[in-house]
């Protein structure tokens, strides 16, 4: 259909021609738009492909890096644990000693419940042996005063303890059990008890102490020095298990690491051998297992309890 369009300047042209021009321009615009869409789709696809590749590469890198980091940390921990110098620096620090005192105040209560029967037997023997005897009992490694509740009525105790942060708990427990007289607190080590006179005490007591001394022979020699002739040395200690057991293998393998947790304590010490060779007139003890500690202290289940006579 033809139609006429009048122009202001008097010229005339057909509307069909004008209409055809608009259709041609629209066709060109649509073609360009489609091409742009295809180009954008290709770019987006390439970007998505690149992103997936980057994620896969990052994931693969993490799978390699994380095990390497874990291995490095384990190696550093083992090296530190095996280094006596590093270990001694850690466990001799004020912060460690203070934290360990808090730990022992809690753990000693758990341990007391676990070995209550054994302690009662040992201290009943002490009551009979010291009946009617006037004199002091020296406790080495007195800790937080975990043994006060078991000591004989009216006894006088000299408490030897190298960790000054234990004193607060020691005094508190002395107040809880007034049947015991806490005569003196001596801050010192059992390897050299120069503050205790020769032949001056009726009995020496230690529990969970010989495992952590640095020189067992020196300690036992000092115990014999301060005991009166015929005096008793009472002990209850965790010790190494029998050599053919898995626990003994674990004790030997992890002994250095264990020392970090327990203020230098050794979980594989042959304490009974030292006692038998220390020169006491007699040594009597029993070995037993504190299975109640299975979940929290597997390496220290084997114990011995008994006494030696000067």
C-alpha atoms as a PDB file:
ATOM      1  CA  UNK A   1       0.000   0.000   0.000  1.00  0.00           C
ATOM      2  CA  UNK A   2       1.405   3.341  -1.076  1.00  0.00           C
ATOM      3  CA  UNK A   3       0.914   6.582   0.770  1.00  0.00           C
ATOM      4  CA  UNK A   4       2.215  10.105   0.433  1.00  0.00           C
ATOM      5  CA  UNK A   5       4.042  12.064   3.075  1.00  0.00           C
ATOM      6  CA  UNK A   6       4.070  15.850   2.669  1.00  0.00           C
ATOM      7  CA  UNK A   7       7.244  17.679   3.721  1.00  0.00           C
ATOM      8  CA  UNK A   8       7.246  21.256   5.007  1.00  0.00           C
ATOM      9  CA  UNK A   9       9.433  22.349   2.078  1.00  0.00           C
ATOM     10  CA  UNK A  10       6.836  21.078  -0.423  1.00  0.00           C
ATOM     11  CA  UNK A  11       8.693  17.889  -1.447  1.00  0.00           C
ATOM     12  CA  UNK A  12       6.837  14.621  -1.412  1.00  0.00           C
ATOM     13  CA  UNK A  13       8.088  11.011  -0.903  1.00  0.00           C
ATOM     14  CA  UNK A  14       6.402   7.696  -0.403  1.00  0.00           C
ATOM     15  CA  UNK A  15       5.852   6.243   3.045  1.00  0.00           C
ATOM     16  CA  UNK A  16       6.792   2.771   1.808  1.00  0.00           C
ATOM     17  CA  UNK A  17      10.352   3.852   1.249  1.00  0.00           C
ATOM     18  CA  UNK A  18      10.504   5.352   4.717  1.00  0.00           C
ATOM     19  CA  UNK A  19       9.068   2.211   6.291  1.00  0.00           C
ATOM     20  CA  UNK A  20      11.594   0.016   4.495  1.00  0.00           C
ATOM     21  CA  UNK A  21      14.501   2.043   5.888  1.00  0.00           C
ATOM     22  CA  UNK A  22      13.303   1.579   9.472  1.00  0.00           C
ATOM     23  CA  UNK A  23      13.000  -2.228   8.984  1.00  0.00           C
ATOM     24  CA  UNK A  24      16.536  -2.405   7.626  1.00  0.00           C
ATOM     25  CA  UNK A  25      17.955  -0.464  10.583  1.00  0.00           C
ATOM     26  CA  UNK A  26      16.109  -2.767  13.032  1.00  0.00           C
ATOM     27  CA  UNK A  27      17.485  -5.847  11.271  1.00  0.00           C
ATOM     28  CA  UNK A  28      21.053  -4.566  11.568  1.00  0.00           C
ATOM     29  CA  UNK A  29      20.583  -3.676  15.248  1.00  0.00           C
ATOM     30  CA  UNK A  30      19.218  -7.143  16.050  1.00  0.00           C
ATOM     31  CA  UNK A  31      22.142  -8.828  14.300  1.00  0.00           C
ATOM     32  CA  UNK A  32      24.637  -6.780  16.256  1.00  0.00           C
ATOM     33  CA  UNK A  33      22.811  -7.535  19.502  1.00  0.00           C
ATOM     34  CA  UNK A  34      22.859 -11.300  18.815  1.00  0.00           C
ATOM     35  CA  UNK A  35      26.583 -11.203  18.057  1.00  0.00           C
ATOM     36  CA  UNK A  36      27.255  -9.320  21.292  1.00  0.00           C
ATOM     37  CA  UNK A  37      25.246 -11.904  23.231  1.00  0.00           C
ATOM     38  CA  UNK A  38      27.210 -14.770  21.672  1.00  0.00           C
ATOM     39  CA  UNK A  39      30.476 -12.998  22.466  1.00  0.00           C
ATOM     40  CA  UNK A  40      29.391 -12.400  26.068  1.00  0.00           C
ATOM     41  CA  UNK A  41      28.345 -16.038  26.441  1.00  0.00           C
ATOM     42  CA  UNK A  42      31.767 -17.235  25.226  1.00  0.00           C
ATOM     43  CA  UNK A  43      33.545 -14.843  27.633  1.00  0.00           C
ATOM     44  CA  UNK A  44      31.378 -15.936  30.579  1.00  0.00           C
ATOM     45  CA  UNK A  45      32.009 -19.603  29.779  1.00  0.00           C
ATOM     46  CA  UNK A  46      35.750 -19.018  29.633  1.00  0.00           C
ATOM     47  CA  UNK A  47      35.650 -17.146  32.940  1.00  0.00           C
ATOM     48  CA  UNK A  48      33.637 -19.928  34.589  1.00  0.00           C
ATOM     49  CA  UNK A  49      36.091 -22.505  33.272  1.00  0.00           C
ATOM     50  CA  UNK A  50      38.992 -20.445  34.619  1.00  0.00           C
ATOM     51  CA  UNK A  51      37.298 -20.070  38.023  1.00  0.00           C
ATOM     52  CA  UNK A  52      36.711 -23.831  38.338  1.00  0.00           C
ATOM     53  CA  UNK A  53      40.341 -24.468  37.392  1.00  0.00           C
ATOM     54  CA  UNK A  54      41.539 -21.993  40.030  1.00  0.00           C
ATOM     55  CA  UNK A  55      39.379 -23.665  42.716  1.00  0.00           C
ATOM     56  CA  UNK A  56      40.679 -27.097  41.773  1.00  0.00           C
ATOM     57  CA  UNK A  57      44.261 -25.800  41.862  1.00  0.00           C
ATOM     58  CA  UNK A  58      43.718 -24.167  45.259  1.00  0.00           C
ATOM     59  CA  UNK A  59      42.138 -27.344  46.641  1.00  0.00           C
ATOM     60  CA  UNK A  60      45.026 -29.453  45.369  1.00  0.00           C
ATOM     61  CA  UNK A  61      47.514 -27.017  46.907  1.00  0.00           C
ATOM     62  CA  UNK A  62      45.793 -27.182  50.303  1.00  0.00           C
ATOM     63  CA  UNK A  63      45.861 -30.977  50.203  1.00  0.00           C
ATOM     64  CA  UNK A  64      49.635 -30.762  49.878  1.00  0.00           C
ATOM     65  CA  UNK A  65      50.288 -27.820  52.205  1.00  0.00           C
ATOM     66  CA  UNK A  66      48.218 -28.952  55.209  1.00  0.00           C
ATOM     67  CA  UNK A  67      49.968 -32.336  55.671  1.00  0.00           C
ATOM     68  CA  UNK A  68      53.345 -30.607  55.297  1.00  0.00           C
ATOM     69  CA  UNK A  69      52.402 -28.077  58.006  1.00  0.00           C
ATOM     70  CA  UNK A  70      51.194 -30.888  60.279  1.00  0.00           C
ATOM     71  CA  UNK A  71      54.437 -32.800  59.799  1.00  0.00           C
ATOM     72  CA  UNK A  72      56.508 -29.688  60.526  1.00  0.00           C
ATOM     73  CA  UNK A  73      54.555 -29.030  63.738  1.00  0.00           C
ATOM     74  CA  UNK A  74      54.994 -32.625  64.885  1.00  0.00           C
ATOM     75  CA  UNK A  75      58.720 -32.499  64.159  1.00  0.00           C
ATOM     76  CA  UNK A  76      59.080 -29.224  66.065  1.00  0.00           C
ATOM     77  CA  UNK A  77      57.132 -30.647  69.010  1.00  0.00           C
ATOM     78  CA  UNK A  78      59.251 -33.807  69.099  1.00  0.00           C
ATOM     79  CA  UNK A  79      62.492 -31.825  68.857  1.00  0.00           C
ATOM     80  CA  UNK A  80      61.362 -29.543  71.668  1.00  0.00           C
ATOM     81  CA  UNK A  81      60.254 -32.497  73.779  1.00  0.00           C
ATOM     82  CA  UNK A  82      63.547 -34.300  73.287  1.00  0.00           C
ATOM     83  CA  UNK A  83      65.551 -31.211  74.146  1.00  0.00           C
ATOM     84  CA  UNK A  84      66.295 -31.348  77.868  1.00  0.00           C
ATOM     85  CA  UNK A  85      67.349 -27.697  77.817  1.00  0.00           C
ATOM     86  CA  UNK A  86      64.036 -26.521  76.329  1.00  0.00           C
ATOM     87  CA  UNK A  87      62.048 -28.774  78.659  1.00  0.00           C
ATOM     88  CA  UNK A  88      63.880 -27.604  81.774  1.00  0.00           C
ATOM     89  CA  UNK A  89      63.367 -23.974  80.757  1.00  0.00           C
ATOM     90  CA  UNK A  90      59.627 -24.535  80.382  1.00  0.00           C
ATOM     91  CA  UNK A  91      58.991 -26.474  83.586  1.00  0.00           C
ATOM     92  CA  UNK A  92      61.178 -24.197  85.713  1.00  0.00           C
ATOM     93  CA  UNK A  93      59.284 -21.060  84.689  1.00  0.00           C
ATOM     94  CA  UNK A  94      57.157 -19.259  87.271  1.00  0.00           C
ATOM     95  CA  UNK A  95      54.024 -19.555  85.118  1.00  0.00           C
ATOM     96  CA  UNK A  96      54.430 -23.325  84.770  1.00  0.00           C
ATOM     97  CA  UNK A  97      55.065 -23.821  88.504  1.00  0.00           C
ATOM     98  CA  UNK A  98      52.000 -21.806  89.401  1.00  0.00           C
ATOM     99  CA  UNK A  99      49.807 -23.700  86.932  1.00  0.00           C
ATOM    100  CA  UNK A 100      51.173 -27.029  88.115  1.00  0.00           C
ATOM    101  CA  UNK A 101      50.263 -26.212  91.713  1.00  0.00           C
ATOM    102  CA  UNK A 102      46.660 -25.623  90.607  1.00  0.00           C
ATOM    103  CA  UNK A 103      46.735 -28.898  88.674  1.00  0.00           C
ATOM    104  CA  UNK A 104      48.090 -30.891  91.615  1.00  0.00           C
ATOM    105  CA  UNK A 105      45.520 -29.456  93.994  1.00  0.00           C
ATOM    106  CA  UNK A 106      42.869 -31.045  91.780  1.00  0.00           C
ATOM    107  CA  UNK A 107      44.685 -34.208  90.704  1.00  0.00           C
ATOM    108  CA  UNK A 108      45.773 -35.133  94.243  1.00  0.00           C
ATOM    109  CA  UNK A 109      42.102 -35.403  95.259  1.00  0.00           C
ATOM    110  CA  UNK A 110      41.374 -37.682  92.304  1.00  0.00           C
ATOM    111  CA  UNK A 111      44.440 -39.781  93.090  1.00  0.00           C
ATOM    112  CA  UNK A 112      43.542 -39.995  96.783  1.00  0.00           C
ATOM    113  CA  UNK A 113      40.153 -41.490  95.934  1.00  0.00           C
ATOM    114  CA  UNK A 114      41.777 -43.956  93.541  1.00  0.00           C
ATOM    115  CA  UNK A 115      44.401 -45.199  96.048  1.00  0.00           C
ATOM    116  CA  UNK A 116      42.493 -44.632  99.281  1.00  0.00           C
ATOM    117  CA  UNK A 117      42.605 -48.271 100.368  1.00  0.00           C
ATOM    118  CA  UNK A 118      46.357 -48.506  99.752  1.00  0.00           C
ATOM    119  CA  UNK A 119      47.046 -45.296 101.634  1.00  0.00           C
ATOM    120  CA  UNK A 120      44.947 -46.405 104.579  1.00  0.00           C
ATOM    121  CA  UNK A 121      46.946 -49.646 104.781  1.00  0.00           C
ATOM    122  CA  UNK A 122      50.272 -47.801 104.613  1.00  0.00           C
ATOM    123  CA  UNK A 123      49.344 -45.179 107.183  1.00  0.00           C
ATOM    124  CA  UNK A 124      47.868 -47.777 109.537  1.00  0.00           C
ATOM    125  CA  UNK A 125      51.296 -49.407 109.546  1.00  0.00           C
ATOM    126  CA  UNK A 126      52.817 -45.992 110.297  1.00  0.00           C
ATOM    127  CA  UNK A 127      50.438 -45.507 113.229  1.00  0.00           C
ATOM    128  CA  UNK A 128      51.429 -48.856 114.688  1.00  0.00           C
ATOM    129  CA  UNK A 129      55.158 -48.364 114.087  1.00  0.00           C
ATOM    130  CA  UNK A 130      55.214 -44.866 115.577  1.00  0.00           C
ATOM    131  CA  UNK A 131      52.786 -45.533 118.423  1.00  0.00           C
ATOM    132  CA  UNK A 132      54.030 -43.820 121.544  1.00  0.00           C
ATOM    133  CA  UNK A 133      56.973 -42.311 119.683  1.00  0.00           C
ATOM    134  CA  UNK A 134      57.565 -38.595 119.979  1.00  0.00           C
ATOM    135  CA  UNK A 135      59.215 -36.952 116.995  1.00  0.00           C
ATOM    136  CA  UNK A 136      58.758 -35.368 113.630  1.00  0.00           C
ATOM    137  CA  UNK A 137      57.650 -36.854 110.327  1.00  0.00           C
ATOM    138  CA  UNK A 138      59.400 -35.398 107.294  1.00  0.00           C
ATOM    139  CA  UNK A 139      57.338 -35.381 104.110  1.00  0.00           C
ATOM    140  CA  UNK A 140      59.399 -34.763 100.986  1.00  0.00           C
ATOM    141  CA  UNK A 141      57.493 -33.361  98.036  1.00  0.00           C
ATOM    142  CA  UNK A 142      54.612 -32.479 100.328  1.00  0.00           C
ATOM    143  CA  UNK A 143      52.800 -30.778  97.447  1.00  0.00           C
ATOM    144  CA  UNK A 144      49.341 -29.559  98.398  1.00  0.00           C
ATOM    145  CA  UNK A 145      49.093 -31.614 101.605  1.00  0.00           C
ATOM    146  CA  UNK A 146      47.246 -34.571 100.087  1.00  0.00           C
ATOM    147  CA  UNK A 147      48.456 -36.931 102.832  1.00  0.00           C
ATOM    148  CA  UNK A 148      47.375 -34.880 105.842  1.00  0.00           C
ATOM    149  CA  UNK A 149      44.034 -36.650 106.173  1.00  0.00           C
ATOM    150  CA  UNK A 150      45.780 -40.027 106.569  1.00  0.00           C
ATOM    151  CA  UNK A 151      48.552 -39.060 109.009  1.00  0.00           C
ATOM    152  CA  UNK A 152      48.480 -40.280 112.644  1.00  0.00           C
ATOM    153  CA  UNK A 153      46.684 -38.214 115.258  1.00  0.00           C
ATOM    154  CA  UNK A 154      48.875 -35.553 116.858  1.00  0.00           C
ATOM    155  CA  UNK A 155      51.894 -36.011 114.593  1.00  0.00           C
ATOM    156  CA  UNK A 156      54.251 -33.153 113.810  1.00  0.00           C
ATOM    157  CA  UNK A 157      55.113 -32.667 110.142  1.00  0.00           C
ATOM    158  CA  UNK A 158      58.018 -30.940 108.439  1.00  0.00           C
ATOM    159  CA  UNK A 159      56.969 -30.346 104.821  1.00  0.00           C
ATOM    160  CA  UNK A 160      59.742 -30.183 102.233  1.00  0.00           C
ATOM    161  CA  UNK A 161      58.487 -28.740  98.921  1.00  0.00           C
ATOM    162  CA  UNK A 162      60.486 -27.084  96.095  1.00  0.00           C
ATOM    163  CA  UNK A 163      57.495 -25.349  94.456  1.00  0.00           C
ATOM    164  CA  UNK A 164      56.602 -22.218  96.492  1.00  0.00           C
ATOM    165  CA  UNK A 165      53.176 -21.999  94.808  1.00  0.00           C
ATOM    166  CA  UNK A 166      52.109 -25.175  96.631  1.00  0.00           C
ATOM    167  CA  UNK A 167      52.314 -23.447 100.017  1.00  0.00           C
ATOM    168  CA  UNK A 168      48.849 -21.856  99.868  1.00  0.00           C
ATOM    169  CA  UNK A 169      47.173 -25.241  99.321  1.00  0.00           C
ATOM    170  CA  UNK A 170      49.465 -26.871 101.878  1.00  0.00           C
ATOM    171  CA  UNK A 171      48.400 -24.450 104.593  1.00  0.00           C
ATOM    172  CA  UNK A 172      44.720 -24.781 103.629  1.00  0.00           C
ATOM    173  CA  UNK A 173      44.839 -28.571 103.943  1.00  0.00           C
ATOM    174  CA  UNK A 174      46.628 -28.314 107.280  1.00  0.00           C
ATOM    175  CA  UNK A 175      43.670 -26.250 108.525  1.00  0.00           C
ATOM    176  CA  UNK A 176      41.205 -28.816 107.149  1.00  0.00           C
ATOM    177  CA  UNK A 177      42.884 -31.595 109.144  1.00  0.00           C
ATOM    178  CA  UNK A 178      43.762 -30.077 112.540  1.00  0.00           C
ATOM    179  CA  UNK A 179      44.793 -33.456 113.976  1.00  0.00           C
ATOM    180  CA  UNK A 180      48.099 -32.819 112.153  1.00  0.00           C
ATOM    181  CA  UNK A 181      50.538 -30.155 113.300  1.00  0.00           C
ATOM    182  CA  UNK A 182      52.316 -28.504 110.379  1.00  0.00           C
ATOM    183  CA  UNK A 183      55.525 -27.638 112.187  1.00  0.00           C
ATOM    184  CA  UNK A 184      57.512 -26.155 109.323  1.00  0.00           C
ATOM    185  CA  UNK A 185      57.514 -25.674 105.551  1.00  0.00           C
ATOM    186  CA  UNK A 186      60.966 -25.952 103.991  1.00  0.00           C
ATOM    187  CA  UNK A 187      61.378 -24.803 100.401  1.00  0.00           C
ATOM    188  CA  UNK A 188      64.012 -27.129  99.004  1.00  0.00           C
ATOM    189  CA  UNK A 189      64.890 -30.291  97.107  1.00  0.00           C
ATOM    190  CA  UNK A 190      65.236 -33.825  98.417  1.00  0.00           C
ATOM    191  CA  UNK A 191      68.628 -34.254  96.728  1.00  0.00           C
ATOM    192  CA  UNK A 192      70.120 -31.885  99.302  1.00  0.00           C
ATOM    193  CA  UNK A 193      68.242 -31.492 102.598  1.00  0.00           C
ATOM    194  CA  UNK A 194      70.951 -29.555 104.386  1.00  0.00           C
ATOM    195  CA  UNK A 195      68.329 -27.798 106.484  1.00  0.00           C
ATOM    196  CA  UNK A 196      67.369 -31.112 108.141  1.00  0.00           C
ATOM    197  CA  UNK A 197      69.763 -32.414 110.786  1.00  0.00           C
ATOM    198  CA  UNK A 198      71.234 -35.932 110.812  1.00  0.00           C
ATOM    199  CA  UNK A 199      69.251 -38.628 112.677  1.00  0.00           C
ATOM    200  CA  UNK A 200      66.496 -36.114 113.477  1.00  0.00           C
ATOM    201  CA  UNK A 201      63.171 -37.525 112.237  1.00  0.00           C
ATOM    202  CA  UNK A 202      61.163 -40.603 113.208  1.00  0.00           C
ATOM    203  CA  UNK A 203      59.850 -41.218 109.697  1.00  0.00           C
ATOM    204  CA  UNK A 204      60.125 -39.934 106.161  1.00  0.00           C
ATOM    205  CA  UNK A 205      57.151 -39.969 103.813  1.00  0.00           C
ATOM    206  CA  UNK A 206      56.762 -39.368 100.093  1.00  0.00           C
ATOM    207  CA  UNK A 207      54.008 -40.028  97.560  1.00  0.00           C
ATOM    208  CA  UNK A 208      54.293 -39.335  93.830  1.00  0.00           C
ATOM    209  CA  UNK A 209      57.679 -37.714  94.414  1.00  0.00           C
ATOM    210  CA  UNK A 210      60.497 -40.138  93.568  1.00  0.00           C
ATOM    211  CA  UNK A 211      59.309 -40.141  89.943  1.00  0.00           C
ATOM    212  CA  UNK A 212      60.441 -36.536  89.517  1.00  0.00           C
ATOM    213  CA  UNK A 213      63.691 -36.257  91.488  1.00  0.00           C
ATOM    214  CA  UNK A 214      66.795 -35.689  89.388  1.00  0.00           C
ATOM    215  CA  UNK A 215      69.139 -37.921  91.404  1.00  0.00           C
ATOM    216  CA  UNK A 216      67.448 -40.913  93.025  1.00  0.00           C
ATOM    217  CA  UNK A 217      70.594 -42.224  94.742  1.00  0.00           C
ATOM    218  CA  UNK A 218      71.280 -38.832  96.341  1.00  0.00           C
ATOM    219  CA  UNK A 219      67.678 -38.593  97.582  1.00  0.00           C
ATOM    220  CA  UNK A 220      67.723 -42.040  99.193  1.00  0.00           C
ATOM    221  CA  UNK A 221      71.082 -41.270 100.770  1.00  0.00           C
ATOM    222  CA  UNK A 222      69.664 -38.069 102.260  1.00  0.00           C
ATOM    223  CA  UNK A 223      66.616 -39.942 103.568  1.00  0.00           C
ATOM    224  CA  UNK A 224      68.855 -42.409 105.401  1.00  0.00           C
ATOM    225  CA  UNK A 225      70.919 -39.524 106.786  1.00  0.00           C
ATOM    226  CA  UNK A 226      68.001 -37.655 108.382  1.00  0.00           C
ATOM    227  CA  UNK A 227      66.217 -40.783 109.725  1.00  0.00           C
ATOM    228  CA  UNK A 228      66.847 -41.873 113.271  1.00  0.00           C
ATOM    229  CA  UNK A 229      68.265 -45.380 113.608  1.00  0.00           C
ATOM    230  CA  UNK A 230      65.429 -47.831 113.040  1.00  0.00           C
ATOM    231  CA  UNK A 231      63.339 -45.091 111.433  1.00  0.00           C
ATOM    232  CA  UNK A 232      60.845 -45.808 108.635  1.00  0.00           C
ATOM    233  CA  UNK A 233      60.689 -44.472 105.122  1.00  0.00           C
ATOM    234  CA  UNK A 234      57.152 -44.761 103.685  1.00  0.00           C
ATOM    235  CA  UNK A 235      56.486 -44.411  99.979  1.00  0.00           C
ATOM    236  CA  UNK A 236      53.709 -44.709  97.401  1.00  0.00           C
ATOM    237  CA  UNK A 237      54.886 -44.107  93.845  1.00  0.00           C
ATOM    238  CA  UNK A 238      53.883 -44.773  90.254  1.00  0.00           C
ATOM    239  CA  UNK A 239      56.548 -46.802  88.446  1.00  0.00           C
ATOM    240  CA  UNK A 240      57.525 -48.482  85.175  1.00  0.00           C
ATOM    241  CA  UNK A 241      55.391 -51.414  84.098  1.00  0.00           C
ATOM    242  CA  UNK A 242      56.796 -54.899  83.441  1.00  0.00           C
ATOM    243  CA  UNK A 243      59.193 -54.865  80.441  1.00  0.00           C
ATOM    244  CA  UNK A 244      57.133 -57.276  78.306  1.00  0.00           C
ATOM    245  CA  UNK A 245      54.004 -55.083  78.345  1.00  0.00           C
ATOM    246  CA  UNK A 246      52.742 -52.599  75.777  1.00  0.00           C
ATOM    247  CA  UNK A 247      52.412 -49.990  78.503  1.00  0.00           C
ATOM    248  CA  UNK A 248      56.123 -50.251  79.277  1.00  0.00           C
ATOM    249  CA  UNK A 249      56.894 -49.586  75.597  1.00  0.00           C
ATOM    250  CA  UNK A 250      54.619 -46.544  75.631  1.00  0.00           C
ATOM    251  CA  UNK A 251      56.183 -45.315  78.875  1.00  0.00           C
ATOM    252  CA  UNK A 252      59.665 -45.429  77.361  1.00  0.00           C
ATOM    253  CA  UNK A 253      58.536 -43.892  74.061  1.00  0.00           C
ATOM    254  CA  UNK A 254      56.636 -40.946  75.539  1.00  0.00           C
ATOM    255  CA  UNK A 255      58.650 -40.346  78.696  1.00  0.00           C
ATOM    256  CA  UNK A 256      60.130 -37.032  77.475  1.00  0.00           C
ATOM    257  CA  UNK A 257      56.725 -35.725  76.436  1.00  0.00           C
ATOM    258  CA  UNK A 258      55.214 -36.862  79.748  1.00  0.00           C
ATOM    259  CA  UNK A 259      57.720 -34.706  81.630  1.00  0.00           C
ATOM    260  CA  UNK A 260      56.130 -31.592  80.122  1.00  0.00           C
ATOM    261  CA  UNK A 261      52.794 -32.528  81.680  1.00  0.00           C
ATOM    262  CA  UNK A 262      54.062 -33.480  85.122  1.00  0.00           C
ATOM    263  CA  UNK A 263      56.862 -31.138  86.179  1.00  0.00           C
ATOM    264  CA  UNK A 264      59.708 -33.391  85.062  1.00  0.00           C
ATOM    265  CA  UNK A 265      58.155 -36.629  86.300  1.00  0.00           C
ATOM    266  CA  UNK A 266      59.348 -39.835  84.605  1.00  0.00           C
ATOM    267  CA  UNK A 267      56.683 -42.438  83.851  1.00  0.00           C
ATOM    268  CA  UNK A 268      59.191 -45.282  83.348  1.00  0.00           C
ATOM    269  CA  UNK A 269      61.355 -45.128  86.473  1.00  0.00           C
ATOM    270  CA  UNK A 270      62.455 -48.421  88.074  1.00  0.00           C
ATOM    271  CA  UNK A 271      61.956 -47.075  91.596  1.00  0.00           C
ATOM    272  CA  UNK A 272      61.905 -50.479  93.316  1.00  0.00           C
ATOM    273  CA  UNK A 273      65.398 -51.282  92.003  1.00  0.00           C
ATOM    274  CA  UNK A 274      66.792 -48.090  93.527  1.00  0.00           C
ATOM    275  CA  UNK A 275      65.097 -48.833  96.856  1.00  0.00           C
ATOM    276  CA  UNK A 276      66.449 -52.378  97.001  1.00  0.00           C
ATOM    277  CA  UNK A 277      69.983 -51.158  96.344  1.00  0.00           C
ATOM    278  CA  UNK A 278      69.946 -48.116  98.635  1.00  0.00           C
ATOM    279  CA  UNK A 279      71.343 -49.896 101.708  1.00  0.00           C
ATOM    280  CA  UNK A 280      68.259 -49.986 103.961  1.00  0.00           C
ATOM    281  CA  UNK A 281      68.183 -52.794 106.514  1.00  0.00           C
ATOM    282  CA  UNK A 282      64.904 -53.986 104.989  1.00  0.00           C
ATOM    283  CA  UNK A 283      62.537 -53.011 102.179  1.00  0.00           C
ATOM    284  CA  UNK A 284      58.927 -54.173 101.916  1.00  0.00           C
ATOM    285  CA  UNK A 285      56.485 -53.166  99.177  1.00  0.00           C
ATOM    286  CA  UNK A 286      53.650 -54.312  96.930  1.00  0.00           C
ATOM    287  CA  UNK A 287      53.066 -53.557  93.273  1.00  0.00           C
ATOM    288  CA  UNK A 288      49.535 -52.800  92.122  1.00  0.00           C
ATOM    289  CA  UNK A 289      47.606 -51.072  89.329  1.00  0.00           C
ATOM    290  CA  UNK A 290      45.374 -48.045  89.824  1.00  0.00           C
ATOM    291  CA  UNK A 291      42.842 -48.839  87.108  1.00  0.00           C
ATOM    292  CA  UNK A 292      40.630 -45.957  88.214  1.00  0.00           C
ATOM    293  CA  UNK A 293      43.123 -43.651  86.445  1.00  0.00           C
ATOM    294  CA  UNK A 294      42.829 -45.490  83.120  1.00  0.00           C
ATOM    295  CA  UNK A 295      41.173 -42.618  81.247  1.00  0.00           C
ATOM    296  CA  UNK A 296      43.313 -39.751  82.506  1.00  0.00           C
ATOM    297  CA  UNK A 297      46.701 -41.285  83.287  1.00  0.00           C
ATOM    298  CA  UNK A 298      47.195 -44.572  81.437  1.00  0.00           C
ATOM    299  CA  UNK A 299      50.992 -44.364  81.667  1.00  0.00           C
ATOM    300  CA  UNK A 300      51.005 -44.124  85.464  1.00  0.00           C
ATOM    301  CA  UNK A 301      48.735 -47.028  86.387  1.00  0.00           C
ATOM    302  CA  UNK A 302      51.509 -49.236  87.864  1.00  0.00           C
ATOM    303  CA  UNK A 303      52.260 -48.285  91.496  1.00  0.00           C
ATOM    304  CA  UNK A 304      54.254 -49.551  94.437  1.00  0.00           C
ATOM    305  CA  UNK A 305      53.537 -48.858  98.108  1.00  0.00           C
ATOM    306  CA  UNK A 306      55.514 -49.904 101.144  1.00  0.00           C
ATOM    307  CA  UNK A 307      58.269 -48.941 103.560  1.00  0.00           C
ATOM    308  CA  UNK A 308      61.989 -49.286 104.158  1.00  0.00           C
ATOM    309  CA  UNK A 309      63.777 -49.355 107.505  1.00  0.00           C
ATOM    310  CA  UNK A 310      67.082 -47.637 108.237  1.00  0.00           C
END
